[in-house]
Amino acid sequence: MIKFFRKIRYDLMEKNKTGKYLKYAIGEILLVVIGILIALSINNWNEQKKTNRKELSMLTEVKNALNANKEILNTRSDFFNASKHRGKLLQEHLTNKLVYHDTLESYLNIPQRNYSVRLSYSTYENLKSQGFDIISNEGLRLDIIKLYDEHFGLIREQEDKISDILTNSIEPILFKYFKTTSKGLEPNDYEQLLNSSDYSNMLSFMIWVANGFEELCQNSVIEIEKVLNSIESEIIE
């Protein structure tokens, strides 16, 4: 093809047809420019397809991770709800100074229960490492960041605080009033426990903690569902 155009150019020059040669030269330049633009356009289109595929893959990964965290939050919400109600039953039993029986041992374990949520952050860390700009929808991008940094971040912050309180304040009270058995905690002196303001205050605090974590879990599930709806809309588009 290049030889063909070169032959035409030489023929025009040999025949001294300068005007036609100039027009031909300009046309040839235009063809080269158009070819370059088309090549760039195709390259940009291919790159955009790669970017879109990468974004879709990332959004799918975030979607799956959020669904997994949603399941964790729902499970933990039920756990905290049960802990709260068991705590209230124990509180009522002690307040009314009812007699001790073996079934109380499982209720007395409430302060030792696991008050963590343990959400997964691996997908978010992956997104962060790849760059948040991989998500083209700015609103969705900010919502994902807010969900992990603010809502999940608040849960993680409360987990750390309660862990410190359990270690430094709750455990000393438990060691003072209880011994550990195969079934759980057993009072050293039940009559002393009935009149203990330390234990009563601690139990009230743990009920409050369980209620607070239950609300945190429920609120986070609501926020997850909002983000999941936005992701779904983005994937469909």
Protein backbone atom coordinates (compact mmCIF):
# COMPACT_ATOMS: atom_id res chain seq x y z
CA MET A 1 0.00 0.00 0.00
CA ILE A 2 2.83 2.40 0.88
CA LYS A 3 4.61 1.56 -2.40
CA PHE A 4 1.36 2.25 -4.26
CA PHE A 5 1.01 5.76 -2.78
CA ARG A 6 4.72 6.44 -3.30
CA LYS A 7 4.40 5.50 -7.02
CA ILE A 8 1.49 7.92 -7.44
CA ARG A 9 3.53 10.66 -5.76
CA TYR A 10 6.50 10.07 -8.04
CA ASP A 11 4.30 10.05 -11.15
CA LEU A 12 2.80 13.40 -10.20
CA MET A 13 6.23 14.90 -9.55
CA GLU A 14 7.64 13.60 -12.83
CA LYS A 15 4.70 15.04 -14.76
CA ASN A 16 5.25 18.39 -13.01
CA LYS A 17 1.72 18.45 -11.65
CA THR A 18 2.63 20.43 -8.51
CA GLY A 19 -0.95 21.44 -7.57
CA LYS A 20 -2.25 17.92 -7.76
CA TYR A 21 0.82 16.70 -5.87
CA LEU A 22 0.20 19.12 -3.00
CA LYS A 23 -3.41 18.05 -2.78
CA TYR A 24 -2.37 14.45 -2.83
CA ALA A 25 0.31 15.06 -0.16
CA ILE A 26 -2.22 16.77 2.11
CA GLY A 27 -4.68 13.94 1.56
CA GLU A 28 -1.99 11.41 2.40
CA ILE A 29 -1.17 13.26 5.62
CA LEU A 30 -4.84 13.38 6.52
CA LEU A 31 -5.14 9.64 5.94
CA VAL A 32 -2.15 9.02 8.24
CA VAL A 33 -3.62 11.30 10.93
CA ILE A 34 -7.03 9.62 10.66
CA GLY A 35 -5.35 6.21 10.91
CA ILE A 36 -3.48 7.29 14.04
CA LEU A 37 -6.68 8.67 15.59
CA ILE A 38 -8.55 5.46 14.83
CA ALA A 39 -5.73 3.39 16.32
CA LEU A 40 -5.72 5.58 19.46
CA SER A 41 -9.49 5.35 19.67
CA ILE A 42 -9.40 1.55 19.46
CA ASN A 43 -6.63 1.43 22.06
CA ASN A 44 -8.60 3.72 24.41
CA TRP A 45 -11.70 1.59 23.89
CA ASN A 46 -9.76 -1.56 24.75
CA GLU A 47 -8.26 0.09 27.82
CA GLN A 48 -11.70 1.27 28.92
CA LYS A 49 -13.03 -2.27 28.54
CA LYS A 50 -10.22 -3.53 30.76
CA THR A 51 -10.97 -0.82 33.33
CA ASN A 52 -14.68 -1.63 33.27
CA ARG A 53 -13.99 -5.34 33.74
CA LYS A 54 -11.66 -4.56 36.63
CA GLU A 55 -14.27 -2.31 38.24
CA LEU A 56 -16.99 -4.92 37.80
CA SER A 57 -14.76 -7.57 39.38
CA MET A 58 -14.02 -5.27 42.33
CA LEU A 59 -17.66 -4.35 42.85
CA THR A 60 -18.62 -8.04 42.80
CA GLU A 61 -15.93 -8.75 45.38
CA VAL A 62 -17.17 -5.91 47.60
CA LYS A 63 -20.74 -7.13 47.19
CA ASN A 64 -19.83 -10.65 48.31
CA ALA A 65 -17.80 -9.32 51.24
CA LEU A 66 -20.67 -7.09 52.39
CA ASN A 67 -23.13 -9.97 52.19
CA ALA A 68 -20.77 -12.04 54.35
CA ASN A 69 -20.44 -9.21 56.88
CA LYS A 70 -24.19 -8.74 56.85
CA GLU A 71 -24.63 -12.38 57.83
CA ILE A 72 -22.09 -11.96 60.64
CA LEU A 73 -23.88 -8.85 61.91
CA ASN A 74 -27.29 -10.54 61.89
CA THR A 75 -25.90 -13.53 63.79
CA ARG A 76 -24.16 -11.32 66.33
CA SER A 77 -27.24 -9.13 66.69
CA ASP A 78 -29.23 -12.22 67.71
CA PHE A 79 -26.45 -13.18 70.12
CA PHE A 80 -26.41 -9.76 71.78
CA ASN A 81 -30.20 -9.75 71.99
CA ALA A 82 -30.15 -13.13 73.76
CA SER A 83 -27.38 -11.94 76.11
CA LYS A 84 -29.38 -8.85 76.96
CA HIS A 85 -32.52 -10.82 77.82
CA ARG A 86 -30.60 -13.43 79.80
CA GLY A 87 -28.93 -10.63 81.71
CA LYS A 88 -32.27 -9.08 82.56
CA LEU A 89 -33.62 -12.42 83.79
CA LEU A 90 -30.56 -12.86 86.00
CA GLN A 91 -30.88 -9.28 87.22
CA GLU A 92 -34.51 -9.88 88.14
CA HIS A 93 -33.62 -13.12 89.94
CA LEU A 94 -30.91 -11.44 92.03
CA THR A 95 -32.96 -8.31 92.73
CA ASN A 96 -35.80 -10.43 94.10
CA LYS A 97 -33.21 -12.46 96.08
CA LEU A 98 -34.53 -15.77 94.80
CA VAL A 99 -32.85 -19.02 95.82
CA TYR A 100 -29.82 -20.32 93.96
CA HIS A 101 -30.13 -23.26 91.58
CA ASP A 102 -27.72 -24.90 89.12
CA THR A 103 -29.36 -23.49 85.99
CA LEU A 104 -28.17 -20.04 87.07
CA GLU A 105 -24.59 -21.00 86.20
CA SER A 106 -25.11 -20.48 82.47
CA TYR A 107 -26.65 -17.05 83.18
CA LEU A 108 -23.80 -16.07 85.48
CA ASN A 109 -21.45 -16.57 82.50
CA ILE A 110 -22.89 -13.51 80.75
CA PRO A 111 -20.00 -11.13 81.63
CA GLN A 112 -17.53 -13.64 80.16
CA ARG A 113 -19.29 -13.96 76.83
CA ASN A 114 -17.68 -12.85 73.59
CA TYR A 115 -18.70 -9.25 72.89
CA SER A 116 -16.75 -8.88 69.66
CA VAL A 117 -18.27 -8.84 66.16
CA ARG A 118 -15.19 -9.68 64.08
CA LEU A 119 -16.11 -8.24 60.72
CA SER A 120 -13.95 -8.97 57.67
CA TYR A 121 -11.91 -6.10 56.21
CA SER A 122 -9.76 -8.01 53.68
CA THR A 123 -11.76 -6.93 50.61
CA TYR A 124 -11.75 -3.31 51.74
CA GLU A 125 -7.97 -3.44 52.21
CA ASN A 126 -7.67 -4.89 48.69
CA LEU A 127 -9.81 -2.07 47.31
CA LYS A 128 -7.70 0.46 49.17
CA SER A 129 -4.48 -1.01 47.76
CA GLN A 130 -5.81 -0.90 44.18
CA GLY A 131 -7.05 2.65 44.62
CA PHE A 132 -10.57 3.82 45.37
CA ASP A 133 -10.75 5.49 41.95
CA ILE A 134 -11.29 2.05 40.43
CA ILE A 135 -14.96 2.68 41.34
CA SER A 136 -16.11 5.29 38.84
CA ASN A 137 -19.35 6.21 40.63
CA GLU A 138 -18.20 8.83 43.12
CA GLY A 139 -21.30 8.55 45.31
CA LEU A 140 -20.96 4.77 45.60
CA ARG A 141 -17.24 5.08 46.22
CA LEU A 142 -17.80 7.48 49.13
CA ASP A 143 -20.61 5.31 50.55
CA ILE A 144 -18.32 2.25 50.65
CA ILE A 145 -15.57 4.24 52.36
CA LYS A 146 -18.03 5.67 54.88
CA LEU A 147 -19.49 2.23 55.61
CA TYR A 148 -16.11 0.69 56.41
CA ASP A 149 -14.38 3.66 58.02
CA GLU A 150 -17.30 5.06 60.02
CA HIS A 151 -19.90 2.35 60.69
CA PHE A 152 -17.59 -0.66 60.83
CA GLY A 153 -14.89 1.52 62.37
CA LEU A 154 -17.23 2.41 65.25
CA ILE A 155 -17.88 -1.28 65.91
CA ARG A 156 -14.16 -2.04 65.96
CA GLU A 157 -13.56 0.90 68.29
CA GLN A 158 -16.23 -0.35 70.71
CA GLU A 159 -14.80 -3.88 70.54
CA ASP A 160 -11.42 -2.55 71.70
CA LYS A 161 -12.97 -0.50 74.51
CA ILE A 162 -15.06 -3.37 75.86
CA SER A 163 -12.08 -5.72 75.63
CA ASP A 164 -10.10 -3.35 77.87
CA ILE A 165 -13.00 -2.98 80.31
CA LEU A 166 -13.50 -6.75 80.53
CA THR A 167 -9.81 -7.27 81.26
CA ASN A 168 -9.28 -4.40 83.69
CA SER A 169 -12.65 -4.02 85.44
CA ILE A 170 -14.94 -7.03 84.92
CA GLU A 171 -12.55 -9.93 85.43
CA PRO A 172 -11.40 -8.76 88.91
CA ILE A 173 -15.04 -8.77 90.07
CA LEU A 174 -15.59 -12.24 88.67
CA PHE A 175 -12.45 -13.58 90.38
CA LYS A 176 -13.68 -12.06 93.64
CA TYR A 177 -17.15 -13.63 93.66
CA PHE A 178 -16.89 -16.80 91.56
CA LYS A 179 -15.02 -20.02 90.95
CA THR A 180 -14.90 -21.73 87.57
CA THR A 181 -16.56 -25.13 87.11
CA SER A 182 -17.16 -27.37 84.09
CA LYS A 183 -20.59 -25.74 83.69
CA GLY A 184 -19.36 -22.20 84.07
CA LEU A 185 -19.19 -19.81 87.01
CA GLU A 186 -20.33 -20.81 90.46
CA PRO A 187 -20.64 -18.25 93.30
CA ASN A 188 -18.21 -18.57 96.19
CA ASP A 189 -20.94 -17.20 98.44
CA TYR A 190 -24.39 -16.73 96.91
CA GLU A 191 -25.65 -14.61 99.82
CA GLN A 192 -22.72 -12.30 99.41
CA LEU A 193 -23.43 -12.09 95.66
CA LEU A 194 -27.06 -11.09 96.32
CA ASN A 195 -25.86 -8.10 98.33
CA SER A 196 -22.99 -7.13 96.05
CA SER A 197 -23.36 -3.71 94.47
CA ASP A 198 -20.21 -4.42 92.43
CA TYR A 199 -21.76 -7.38 90.69
CA SER A 200 -25.15 -5.68 90.34
CA ASN A 201 -23.57 -2.64 88.70
CA MET A 202 -21.43 -4.85 86.48
CA LEU A 203 -24.46 -6.83 85.35
CA SER A 204 -26.36 -3.63 84.50
CA PHE A 205 -23.35 -2.45 82.52
CA MET A 206 -23.08 -5.70 80.54
CA ILE A 207 -26.80 -5.55 79.69
CA TRP A 208 -26.25 -2.01 78.44
CA VAL A 209 -23.23 -3.18 76.40
CA ALA A 210 -25.19 -6.04 74.82
CA ASN A 211 -27.99 -3.64 73.90
CA GLY A 212 -25.51 -1.17 72.42
CA PHE A 213 -23.81 -3.81 70.29
CA GLU A 214 -27.16 -5.12 69.11
CA GLU A 215 -28.10 -1.62 67.90
CA LEU A 216 -24.70 -1.15 66.23
CA CYS A 217 -25.15 -4.43 64.36
CA GLN A 218 -28.69 -3.58 63.26
CA ASN A 219 -27.73 -0.07 62.10
CA SER A 220 -24.75 -1.43 60.16
CA VAL A 221 -26.98 -4.00 58.42
CA ILE A 222 -29.25 -1.15 57.26
CA GLU A 223 -26.23 0.74 55.88
CA ILE A 224 -24.91 -2.41 54.18
CA GLU A 225 -28.25 -2.93 52.43
CA LYS A 226 -28.15 0.64 51.09
CA VAL A 227 -24.67 0.13 49.65
CA LEU A 228 -25.61 -3.30 48.25
CA ASN A 229 -28.57 -1.76 46.41
CA SER A 230 -26.27 0.87 44.90
CA ILE A 231 -23.72 -1.77 43.87
CA GLU A 232 -26.46 -3.88 42.28
CA SER A 233 -27.66 -0.90 40.25
CA GLU A 234 -24.11 -0.17 39.12
CA ILE A 235 -23.44 -3.77 38.09
CA ILE A 236 -26.70 -3.99 36.11
CA GLU A 237 -25.88 -0.81 34.22
